Amino acid sequence: MIYSFVLLDRPHASELRARVRPERKAYLGLQAERIAFAAPFVDDEGKDMQGSLLTIDLPRREDAVAWFRDEPFNKAGLYASVQIHGFVNLWPQETGFAPQ
């Protein structure tokens, strides 16, 4: 099943996010073939990162929780809010939107 991780940073944590980001990118890379979608939440100007949205294909909820337990931003205490939800993609398609 695909699990979505809705992760909101604690306030004023941009320095922590920047410092841990290389380790986190490497950790995500270990699951690259399973990641359906990964992107930061940003402020309205699109500049300051405020959290993360990940969707990862993992066999069971227990695997999602275990994966998240070792996620570097989580271990560093970055998140103020964490939600993990099972996700069923009922409308799989290309959006046609390119990153800017």
PDB file of N, CA and C in Angstrom:
ATOM      1  N   MET A   1       0.852  -1.181   0.000  1.00  0.00           N
ATOM      2  CA  MET A   1       0.000   0.000   0.000  1.00  0.00           C
ATOM      3  C   MET A   1       0.889   1.232   0.000  1.00  0.00           C
ATOM      4  N   ILE A   2       0.391   2.274  -0.573  1.00  0.00           N
ATOM      5  CA  ILE A   2       1.096   3.554  -0.519  1.00  0.00           C
ATOM      6  C   ILE A   2       0.707   4.248   0.786  1.00  0.00           C
ATOM      7  N   TYR A   3       1.704   4.762   1.481  1.00  0.00           N
ATOM      8  CA  TYR A   3       1.465   5.529   2.702  1.00  0.00           C
ATOM      9  C   TYR A   3       1.889   6.964   2.460  1.00  0.00           C
ATOM     10  N   SER A   4       1.013   7.883   2.866  1.00  0.00           N
ATOM     11  CA  SER A   4       1.354   9.299   2.766  1.00  0.00           C
ATOM     12  C   SER A   4       1.785   9.784   4.146  1.00  0.00           C
ATOM     13  N   PHE A   5       2.836  10.577   4.140  1.00  0.00           N
ATOM     14  CA  PHE A   5       3.389  11.168   5.351  1.00  0.00           C
ATOM     15  C   PHE A   5       3.197  12.677   5.215  1.00  0.00           C
ATOM     16  N   VAL A   6       2.372  13.246   6.067  1.00  0.00           N
ATOM     17  CA  VAL A   6       2.139  14.691   6.090  1.00  0.00           C
ATOM     18  C   VAL A   6       2.886  15.203   7.314  1.00  0.00           C
ATOM     19  N   LEU A   7       3.970  15.934   7.068  1.00  0.00           N
ATOM     20  CA  LEU A   7       4.926  16.276   8.114  1.00  0.00           C
ATOM     21  C   LEU A   7       5.126  17.787   8.149  1.00  0.00           C
ATOM     22  N   LEU A   8       4.742  18.409   9.234  1.00  0.00           N
ATOM     23  CA  LEU A   8       4.875  19.860   9.367  1.00  0.00           C
ATOM     24  C   LEU A   8       5.989  20.195  10.347  1.00  0.00           C
ATOM     25  N   ASP A   9       6.875  21.094   9.922  1.00  0.00           N
ATOM     26  CA  ASP A   9       8.019  21.484  10.744  1.00  0.00           C
ATOM     27  C   ASP A   9       7.567  22.296  11.956  1.00  0.00           C
ATOM     28  N   ARG A  10       8.385  22.217  12.993  1.00  0.00           N
ATOM     29  CA  ARG A  10       8.131  23.102  14.126  1.00  0.00           C
ATOM     30  C   ARG A  10       8.593  24.511  13.726  1.00  0.00           C
ATOM     31  N   PRO A  11       8.056  25.534  14.362  1.00  0.00           N
ATOM     32  CA  PRO A  11       8.413  26.907  13.989  1.00  0.00           C
ATOM     33  C   PRO A  11       9.916  27.178  14.120  1.00  0.00           C
ATOM     34  N   HIS A  12      10.402  28.016  13.232  1.00  0.00           N
ATOM     35  CA  HIS A  12      11.783  28.512  13.278  1.00  0.00           C
ATOM     36  C   HIS A  12      12.813  27.380  13.225  1.00  0.00           C
ATOM     37  N   ALA A  13      12.552  26.385  12.393  1.00  0.00           N
ATOM     38  CA  ALA A  13      13.440  25.224  12.329  1.00  0.00           C
ATOM     39  C   ALA A  13      14.177  25.131  10.997  1.00  0.00           C
ATOM     40  N   SER A  14      14.215  26.218  10.235  1.00  0.00           N
ATOM     41  CA  SER A  14      14.838  26.157   8.909  1.00  0.00           C
ATOM     42  C   SER A  14      16.332  25.830   8.983  1.00  0.00           C
ATOM     43  N   GLU A  15      17.023  26.291  10.010  1.00  0.00           N
ATOM     44  CA  GLU A  15      18.447  25.979  10.156  1.00  0.00           C
ATOM     45  C   GLU A  15      18.647  24.477  10.410  1.00  0.00           C
ATOM     46  N   LEU A  16      17.815  23.904  11.266  1.00  0.00           N
ATOM     47  CA  LEU A  16      17.875  22.468  11.530  1.00  0.00           C
ATOM     48  C   LEU A  16      17.585  21.678  10.257  1.00  0.00           C
ATOM     49  N   ARG A  17      16.575  22.084   9.515  1.00  0.00           N
ATOM     50  CA  ARG A  17      16.209  21.414   8.255  1.00  0.00           C
ATOM     51  C   ARG A  17      17.392  21.446   7.291  1.00  0.00           C
ATOM     52  N   ALA A  18      18.017  22.595   7.140  1.00  0.00           N
ATOM     53  CA  ALA A  18      19.142  22.726   6.214  1.00  0.00           C
ATOM     54  C   ALA A  18      20.324  21.864   6.652  1.00  0.00           C
ATOM     55  N   ARG A  19      20.573  21.800   7.937  1.00  0.00           N
ATOM     56  CA  ARG A  19      21.713  21.042   8.447  1.00  0.00           C
ATOM     57  C   ARG A  19      21.534  19.535   8.250  1.00  0.00           C
ATOM     58  N   VAL A  20      20.318  19.030   8.425  1.00  0.00           N
ATOM     59  CA  VAL A  20      20.054  17.590   8.365  1.00  0.00           C
ATOM     60  C   VAL A  20      19.677  17.136   6.952  1.00  0.00           C
ATOM     61  N   ARG A  21      19.408  18.065   6.065  1.00  0.00           N
ATOM     62  CA  ARG A  21      18.903  17.731   4.733  1.00  0.00           C
ATOM     63  C   ARG A  21      19.778  16.743   3.952  1.00  0.00           C
ATOM     64  N   PRO A  22      21.093  16.861   3.927  1.00  0.00           N
ATOM     65  CA  PRO A  22      21.893  15.871   3.170  1.00  0.00           C
ATOM     66  C   PRO A  22      21.686  14.439   3.674  1.00  0.00           C
ATOM     67  N   GLU A  23      21.641  14.271   4.993  1.00  0.00           N
ATOM     68  CA  GLU A  23      21.406  12.944   5.562  1.00  0.00           C
ATOM     69  C   GLU A  23      20.013  12.431   5.186  1.00  0.00           C
ATOM     70  N   ARG A  24      19.045  13.325   5.201  1.00  0.00           N
ATOM     71  CA  ARG A  24      17.681  12.951   4.866  1.00  0.00           C
ATOM     72  C   ARG A  24      17.566  12.556   3.398  1.00  0.00           C
ATOM     73  N   LYS A  25      18.207  13.304   2.503  1.00  0.00           N
ATOM     74  CA  LYS A  25      18.167  12.957   1.077  1.00  0.00           C
ATOM     75  C   LYS A  25      18.784  11.579   0.840  1.00  0.00           C
ATOM     76  N   ALA A  26      19.860  11.274   1.531  1.00  0.00           N
ATOM     77  CA  ALA A  26      20.474   9.948   1.402  1.00  0.00           C
ATOM     78  C   ALA A  26      19.525   8.862   1.905  1.00  0.00           C
ATOM     79  N   TYR A  27      18.827   9.124   2.999  1.00  0.00           N
ATOM     80  CA  TYR A  27      17.874   8.167   3.558  1.00  0.00           C
ATOM     81  C   TYR A  27      16.724   7.932   2.579  1.00  0.00           C
ATOM     82  N   LEU A  28      16.206   9.005   1.972  1.00  0.00           N
ATOM     83  CA  LEU A  28      15.160   8.853   0.962  1.00  0.00           C
ATOM     84  C   LEU A  28      15.670   8.054  -0.228  1.00  0.00           C
ATOM     85  N   GLY A  29      16.913   8.262  -0.587  1.00  0.00           N
ATOM     86  CA  GLY A  29      17.495   7.548  -1.718  1.00  0.00           C
ATOM     87  C   GLY A  29      17.481   6.042  -1.545  1.00  0.00           C
ATOM     88  N   LEU A  30      17.512   5.572  -0.307  1.00  0.00           N
ATOM     89  CA  LEU A  30      17.453   4.131  -0.046  1.00  0.00           C
ATOM     90  C   LEU A  30      16.110   3.528  -0.447  1.00  0.00           C
ATOM     91  N   GLN A  31      15.081   4.366  -0.531  1.00  0.00           N
ATOM     92  CA  GLN A  31      13.738   3.917  -0.908  1.00  0.00           C
ATOM     93  C   GLN A  31      13.298   4.501  -2.247  1.00  0.00           C
ATOM     94  N   ALA A  32      14.234   4.982  -3.034  1.00  0.00           N
ATOM     95  CA  ALA A  32      13.901   5.727  -4.257  1.00  0.00           C
ATOM     96  C   ALA A  32      12.909   4.993  -5.149  1.00  0.00           C
ATOM     97  N   GLU A  33      13.064   3.688  -5.299  1.00  0.00           N
ATOM     98  CA  GLU A  33      12.174   2.944  -6.179  1.00  0.00           C
ATOM     99  C   GLU A  33      10.764   2.799  -5.611  1.00  0.00           C
ATOM    100  N   ARG A  34      10.589   3.075  -4.336  1.00  0.00           N
ATOM    101  CA  ARG A  34       9.277   2.962  -3.697  1.00  0.00           C
ATOM    102  C   ARG A  34       8.567   4.308  -3.534  1.00  0.00           C
ATOM    103  N   ILE A  35       9.293   5.411  -3.740  1.00  0.00           N
ATOM    104  CA  ILE A  35       8.708   6.736  -3.518  1.00  0.00           C
ATOM    105  C   ILE A  35       7.863   7.127  -4.718  1.00  0.00           C
ATOM    106  N   ALA A  36       6.576   7.356  -4.460  1.00  0.00           N
ATOM    107  CA  ALA A  36       5.670   7.812  -5.509  1.00  0.00           C
ATOM    108  C   ALA A  36       5.733   9.327  -5.651  1.00  0.00           C
ATOM    109  N   PHE A  37       5.966  10.018  -4.538  1.00  0.00           N
ATOM    110  CA  PHE A  37       5.942  11.475  -4.548  1.00  0.00           C
ATOM    111  C   PHE A  37       6.671  11.961  -3.306  1.00  0.00           C
ATOM    112  N   ALA A  38       7.476  13.006  -3.453  1.00  0.00           N
ATOM    113  CA  ALA A  38       8.156  13.629  -2.317  1.00  0.00           C
ATOM    114  C   ALA A  38       8.376  15.095  -2.635  1.00  0.00           C
ATOM    115  N   ALA A  39       7.944  15.956  -1.731  1.00  0.00           N
ATOM    116  CA  ALA A  39       8.098  17.393  -1.953  1.00  0.00           C
ATOM    117  C   ALA A  39       7.951  18.139  -0.632  1.00  0.00           C
ATOM    118  N   PRO A  40       8.589  19.308  -0.535  1.00  0.00           N
ATOM    119  CA  PRO A  40       8.410  20.110   0.668  1.00  0.00           C
ATOM    120  C   PRO A  40       7.133  20.959   0.575  1.00  0.00           C
ATOM    121  N   PHE A  41       6.563  21.227   1.728  1.00  0.00           N
ATOM    122  CA  PHE A  41       5.578  22.295   1.827  1.00  0.00           C
ATOM    123  C   PHE A  41       6.372  23.584   1.939  1.00  0.00           C
ATOM    124  N   VAL A  42       5.894  24.649   1.293  1.00  0.00           N
ATOM    125  CA  VAL A  42       6.596  25.930   1.328  1.00  0.00           C
ATOM    126  C   VAL A  42       5.626  27.042   1.699  1.00  0.00           C
ATOM    127  N   ASP A  43       6.194  28.193   2.031  1.00  0.00           N
ATOM    128  CA  ASP A  43       5.362  29.356   2.314  1.00  0.00           C
ATOM    129  C   ASP A  43       4.735  29.871   1.017  1.00  0.00           C
ATOM    130  N   ASP A  44       3.893  30.860   1.103  1.00  0.00           N
ATOM    131  CA  ASP A  44       3.160  31.364  -0.068  1.00  0.00           C
ATOM    132  C   ASP A  44       4.066  31.967  -1.135  1.00  0.00           C
ATOM    133  N   GLU A  45       5.273  32.332  -0.774  1.00  0.00           N
ATOM    134  CA  GLU A  45       6.223  32.849  -1.755  1.00  0.00           C
ATOM    135  C   GLU A  45       7.031  31.717  -2.394  1.00  0.00           C
ATOM    136  N   GLY A  46       6.859  30.500  -1.886  1.00  0.00           N
ATOM    137  CA  GLY A  46       7.557  29.349  -2.425  1.00  0.00           C
ATOM    138  C   GLY A  46       9.019  29.267  -2.028  1.00  0.00           C
ATOM    139  N   LYS A  47       9.386  29.953  -0.956  1.00  0.00           N
ATOM    140  CA  LYS A  47      10.801  30.026  -0.572  1.00  0.00           C
ATOM    141  C   LYS A  47      11.128  29.202   0.669  1.00  0.00           C
ATOM    142  N   ASP A  48      10.448  29.462   1.756  1.00  0.00           N
ATOM    143  CA  ASP A  48      10.775  28.809   3.021  1.00  0.00           C
ATOM    144  C   ASP A  48      10.054  27.467   3.134  1.00  0.00           C
ATOM    145  N   MET A  49      10.842  26.407   3.339  1.00  0.00           N
ATOM    146  CA  MET A  49      10.264  25.079   3.525  1.00  0.00           C
ATOM    147  C   MET A  49       9.630  24.998   4.907  1.00  0.00           C
ATOM    148  N   GLN A  50       8.427  24.411   4.952  1.00  0.00           N
ATOM    149  CA  GLN A  50       7.675  24.353   6.201  1.00  0.00           C
ATOM    150  C   GLN A  50       7.258  22.945   6.586  1.00  0.00           C
ATOM    151  N   GLY A  51       7.624  21.967   5.797  1.00  0.00           N
ATOM    152  CA  GLY A  51       7.244  20.594   6.087  1.00  0.00           C
ATOM    153  C   GLY A  51       7.476  19.737   4.861  1.00  0.00           C
ATOM    154  N   SER A  52       6.937  18.528   4.899  1.00  0.00           N
ATOM    155  CA  SER A  52       7.148  17.586   3.809  1.00  0.00           C
ATOM    156  C   SER A  52       5.893  16.762   3.547  1.00  0.00           C
ATOM    157  N   LEU A  53       5.723  16.392   2.286  1.00  0.00           N
ATOM    158  CA  LEU A  53       4.699  15.441   1.876  1.00  0.00           C
ATOM    159  C   LEU A  53       5.414  14.319   1.142  1.00  0.00           C
ATOM    160  N   LEU A  54       5.292  13.113   1.658  1.00  0.00           N
ATOM    161  CA  LEU A  54       5.905  11.943   1.040  1.00  0.00           C
ATOM    162  C   LEU A  54       4.829  10.899   0.801  1.00  0.00           C
ATOM    163  N   THR A  55       4.921  10.181  -0.289  1.00  0.00           N
ATOM    164  CA  THR A  55       4.078   9.011  -0.511  1.00  0.00           C
ATOM    165  C   THR A  55       5.012   7.879  -0.909  1.00  0.00           C
ATOM    166  N   ILE A  56       4.986   6.821  -0.094  1.00  0.00           N
ATOM    167  CA  ILE A  56       5.926   5.721  -0.263  1.00  0.00           C
ATOM    168  C   ILE A  56       5.159   4.402  -0.257  1.00  0.00           C
ATOM    169  N   ASP A  57       5.467   3.553  -1.218  1.00  0.00           N
ATOM    170  CA  ASP A  57       4.859   2.234  -1.314  1.00  0.00           C
ATOM    171  C   ASP A  57       5.578   1.290  -0.356  1.00  0.00           C
ATOM    172  N   LEU A  58       4.905   0.911   0.707  1.00  0.00           N
ATOM    173  CA  LEU A  58       5.462   0.014   1.716  1.00  0.00           C
ATOM    174  C   LEU A  58       4.447  -1.099   1.996  1.00  0.00           C
ATOM    175  N   PRO A  59       4.915  -2.278   2.351  1.00  0.00           N
ATOM    176  CA  PRO A  59       3.999  -3.411   2.476  1.00  0.00           C
ATOM    177  C   PRO A  59       2.907  -3.243   3.541  1.00  0.00           C
ATOM    178  N   ARG A  60       3.280  -2.702   4.703  1.00  0.00           N
ATOM    179  CA  ARG A  60       2.323  -2.618   5.812  1.00  0.00           C
ATOM    180  C   ARG A  60       2.523  -1.318   6.584  1.00  0.00           C
ATOM    181  N   ARG A  61       1.516  -0.949   7.358  1.00  0.00           N
ATOM    182  CA  ARG A  61       1.618   0.239   8.209  1.00  0.00           C
ATOM    183  C   ARG A  61       2.829   0.124   9.137  1.00  0.00           C
ATOM    184  N   GLU A  62       3.068  -1.048   9.663  1.00  0.00           N
ATOM    185  CA  GLU A  62       4.202  -1.250  10.557  1.00  0.00           C
ATOM    186  C   GLU A  62       5.518  -0.874   9.864  1.00  0.00           C
ATOM    187  N   ASP A  63       5.605  -1.171   8.567  1.00  0.00           N
ATOM    188  CA  ASP A  63       6.803  -0.806   7.808  1.00  0.00           C
ATOM    189  C   ASP A  63       6.906   0.712   7.642  1.00  0.00           C
ATOM    190  N   ALA A  64       5.768   1.357   7.445  1.00  0.00           N
ATOM    191  CA  ALA A  64       5.759   2.821   7.318  1.00  0.00           C
ATOM    192  C   ALA A  64       6.210   3.471   8.625  1.00  0.00           C
ATOM    193  N   VAL A  65       5.686   2.972   9.741  1.00  0.00           N
ATOM    194  CA  VAL A  65       6.049   3.516  11.050  1.00  0.00           C
ATOM    195  C   VAL A  65       7.532   3.265  11.331  1.00  0.00           C
ATOM    196  N   ALA A  66       8.011   2.072  11.005  1.00  0.00           N
ATOM    197  CA  ALA A  66       9.429   1.755  11.218  1.00  0.00           C
ATOM    198  C   ALA A  66      10.320   2.632  10.342  1.00  0.00           C
ATOM    199  N   TRP A  67       9.925   2.826   9.081  1.00  0.00           N
ATOM    200  CA  TRP A  67      10.706   3.691   8.192  1.00  0.00           C
ATOM    201  C   TRP A  67      10.782   5.102   8.766  1.00  0.00           C
ATOM    202  N   PHE A  68       9.634   5.607   9.221  1.00  0.00           N
ATOM    203  CA  PHE A  68       9.589   6.966   9.737  1.00  0.00           C
ATOM    204  C   PHE A  68      10.383   7.109  11.034  1.00  0.00           C
ATOM    205  N   ARG A  69      10.400   6.103  11.863  1.00  0.00           N
ATOM    206  CA  ARG A  69      11.131   6.164  13.131  1.00  0.00           C
ATOM    207  C   ARG A  69      12.601   6.549  12.895  1.00  0.00           C
ATOM    208  N   ASP A  70      13.192   6.039  11.800  1.00  0.00           N
ATOM    209  CA  ASP A  70      14.598   6.294  11.512  1.00  0.00           C
ATOM    210  C   ASP A  70      14.831   7.448  10.535  1.00  0.00           C
ATOM    211  N   GLU A  71      13.768   8.108  10.115  1.00  0.00           N
ATOM    212  CA  GLU A  71      13.879   9.218   9.166  1.00  0.00           C
ATOM    213  C   GLU A  71      14.657  10.357   9.836  1.00  0.00           C
ATOM    214  N   PRO A  72      15.723  10.864   9.186  1.00  0.00           N
ATOM    215  CA  PRO A  72      16.614  11.827   9.838  1.00  0.00           C
ATOM    216  C   PRO A  72      15.944  13.092  10.377  1.00  0.00           C
ATOM    217  N   PHE A  73      15.004  13.685   9.657  1.00  0.00           N
ATOM    218  CA  PHE A  73      14.334  14.873  10.197  1.00  0.00           C
ATOM    219  C   PHE A  73      13.560  14.518  11.458  1.00  0.00           C
ATOM    220  N   ASN A  74      12.933  13.357  11.464  1.00  0.00           N
ATOM    221  CA  ASN A  74      12.203  12.919  12.652  1.00  0.00           C
ATOM    222  C   ASN A  74      13.163  12.730  13.827  1.00  0.00           C
ATOM    223  N   LYS A  75      14.268  12.034  13.578  1.00  0.00           N
ATOM    224  CA  LYS A  75      15.243  11.795  14.644  1.00  0.00           C
ATOM    225  C   LYS A  75      15.835  13.098  15.173  1.00  0.00           C
ATOM    226  N   ALA A  76      15.927  14.122  14.324  1.00  0.00           N
ATOM    227  CA  ALA A  76      16.478  15.420  14.730  1.00  0.00           C
ATOM    228  C   ALA A  76      15.462  16.290  15.457  1.00  0.00           C
ATOM    229  N   GLY A  77      14.189  15.866  15.501  1.00  0.00           N
ATOM    230  CA  GLY A  77      13.169  16.652  16.190  1.00  0.00           C
ATOM    231  C   GLY A  77      12.604  17.799  15.374  1.00  0.00           C
ATOM    232  N   LEU A  78      12.647  17.688  14.048  1.00  0.00           N
ATOM    233  CA  LEU A  78      12.187  18.782  13.182  1.00  0.00           C
ATOM    234  C   LEU A  78      10.675  18.968  13.199  1.00  0.00           C
ATOM    235  N   TYR A  79       9.933  17.898  13.300  1.00  0.00           N
ATOM    236  CA  TYR A  79       8.493  17.970  13.058  1.00  0.00           C
ATOM    237  C   TYR A  79       7.676  18.361  14.290  1.00  0.00           C
ATOM    238  N   ALA A  80       6.709  19.250  14.063  1.00  0.00           N
ATOM    239  CA  ALA A  80       5.727  19.613  15.074  1.00  0.00           C
ATOM    240  C   ALA A  80       4.488  18.746  14.943  1.00  0.00           C
ATOM    241  N   SER A  81       4.237  18.267  13.726  1.00  0.00           N
ATOM    242  CA  SER A  81       3.023  17.500  13.453  1.00  0.00           C
ATOM    243  C   SER A  81       3.344  16.390  12.455  1.00  0.00           C
ATOM    244  N   VAL A  82       2.847  15.187  12.746  1.00  0.00           N
ATOM    245  CA  VAL A  82       3.083  14.025  11.891  1.00  0.00           C
ATOM    246  C   VAL A  82       1.772  13.289  11.685  1.00  0.00           C
ATOM    247  N   GLN A  83       1.458  13.012  10.424  1.00  0.00           N
ATOM    248  CA  GLN A  83       0.310  12.167  10.089  1.00  0.00           C
ATOM    249  C   GLN A  83       0.766  11.137   9.073  1.00  0.00           C
ATOM    250  N   ILE A  84       0.392   9.883   9.297  1.00  0.00           N
ATOM    251  CA  ILE A  84       0.689   8.807   8.357  1.00  0.00           C
ATOM    252  C   ILE A  84      -0.642   8.177   7.979  1.00  0.00           C
ATOM    253  N   HIS A  85      -0.932   8.179   6.669  1.00  0.00           N
ATOM    254  CA  HIS A  85      -2.214   7.670   6.175  1.00  0.00           C
ATOM    255  C   HIS A  85      -1.989   6.690   5.040  1.00  0.00           C
ATOM    256  N   GLY A  86      -2.801   5.629   5.008  1.00  0.00           N
ATOM    257  CA  GLY A  86      -2.842   4.784   3.826  1.00  0.00           C
ATOM    258  C   GLY A  86      -3.427   5.587   2.678  1.00  0.00           C
ATOM    259  N   PHE A  87      -2.943   5.331   1.470  1.00  0.00           N
ATOM    260  CA  PHE A  87      -3.312   6.150   0.311  1.00  0.00           C
ATOM    261  C   PHE A  87      -3.625   5.235  -0.864  1.00  0.00           C
ATOM    262  N   VAL A  88      -4.766   5.446  -1.483  1.00  0.00           N
ATOM    263  CA  VAL A  88      -5.138   4.711  -2.693  1.00  0.00           C
ATOM    264  C   VAL A  88      -5.263   5.732  -3.813  1.00  0.00           C
ATOM    265  N   ASN A  89      -4.457   5.587  -4.835  1.00  0.00           N
ATOM    266  CA  ASN A  89      -4.468   6.524  -5.949  1.00  0.00           C
ATOM    267  C   ASN A  89      -5.540   6.103  -6.950  1.00  0.00           C
ATOM    268  N   LEU A  90      -6.687   6.752  -6.881  1.00  0.00           N
ATOM    269  CA  LEU A  90      -7.806   6.424  -7.764  1.00  0.00           C
ATOM    270  C   LEU A  90      -7.751   7.162  -9.094  1.00  0.00           C
ATOM    271  N   TRP A  91      -6.814   8.091  -9.227  1.00  0.00           N
ATOM    272  CA  TRP A  91      -6.715   8.860 -10.453  1.00  0.00           C
ATOM    273  C   TRP A  91      -5.256   9.038 -10.848  1.00  0.00           C
ATOM    274  N   PRO A  92      -4.563   7.948 -11.118  1.00  0.00           N
ATOM    275  CA  PRO A  92      -3.153   8.074 -11.483  1.00  0.00           C
ATOM    276  C   PRO A  92      -2.983   8.679 -12.869  1.00  0.00           C
ATOM    277  N   GLN A  93      -2.245   9.744 -12.931  1.00  0.00           N
ATOM    278  CA  GLN A  93      -1.980  10.402 -14.207  1.00  0.00           C
ATOM    279  C   GLN A  93      -0.844  11.374 -14.046  1.00  0.00           C
ATOM    280  N   GLU A  94      -0.281  11.762 -15.150  1.00  0.00           N
ATOM    281  CA  GLU A  94       0.720  12.816 -15.158  1.00  0.00           C
ATOM    282  C   GLU A  94       0.000  14.148 -15.027  1.00  0.00           C
ATOM    283  N   THR A  95       0.535  15.059 -14.238  1.00  0.00           N
ATOM    284  CA  THR A  95      -0.131  16.343 -14.050  1.00  0.00           C
ATOM    285  C   THR A  95       0.162  17.323 -15.166  1.00  0.00           C
ATOM    286  N   GLY A  96       1.304  17.173 -15.809  1.00  0.00           N
ATOM    287  CA  GLY A  96       1.692  18.132 -16.809  1.00  0.00           C
ATOM    288  C   GLY A  96       2.357  19.365 -16.227  1.00  0.00           C
ATOM    289  N   PHE A  97       2.429  19.436 -14.897  1.00  0.00           N
ATOM    290  CA  PHE A  97       3.080  20.571 -14.252  1.00  0.00           C
ATOM    291  C   PHE A  97       4.552  20.256 -14.078  1.00  0.00           C
ATOM    292  N   ALA A  98       5.378  21.186 -14.475  1.00  0.00           N
ATOM    293  CA  ALA A  98       6.819  21.018 -14.313  1.00  0.00           C
ATOM    294  C   ALA A  98       7.281  21.870 -13.121  1.00  0.00           C
ATOM    295  N   PRO A  99       8.242  21.379 -12.354  1.00  0.00           N
ATOM    296  CA  PRO A  99       8.770  22.193 -11.243  1.00  0.00           C
ATOM    297  C   PRO A  99       9.378  23.485 -11.770  1.00  0.00           C
ATOM    298  N   GLN A 100       9.247  24.519 -10.984  1.00  0.00           N
ATOM    299  CA  GLN A 100       9.813  25.818 -11.366  1.00  0.00           C
ATOM    300  C   GLN A 100      11.101  26.074 -10.665  1.00  0.00           C
TER     301      GLN A 100
END
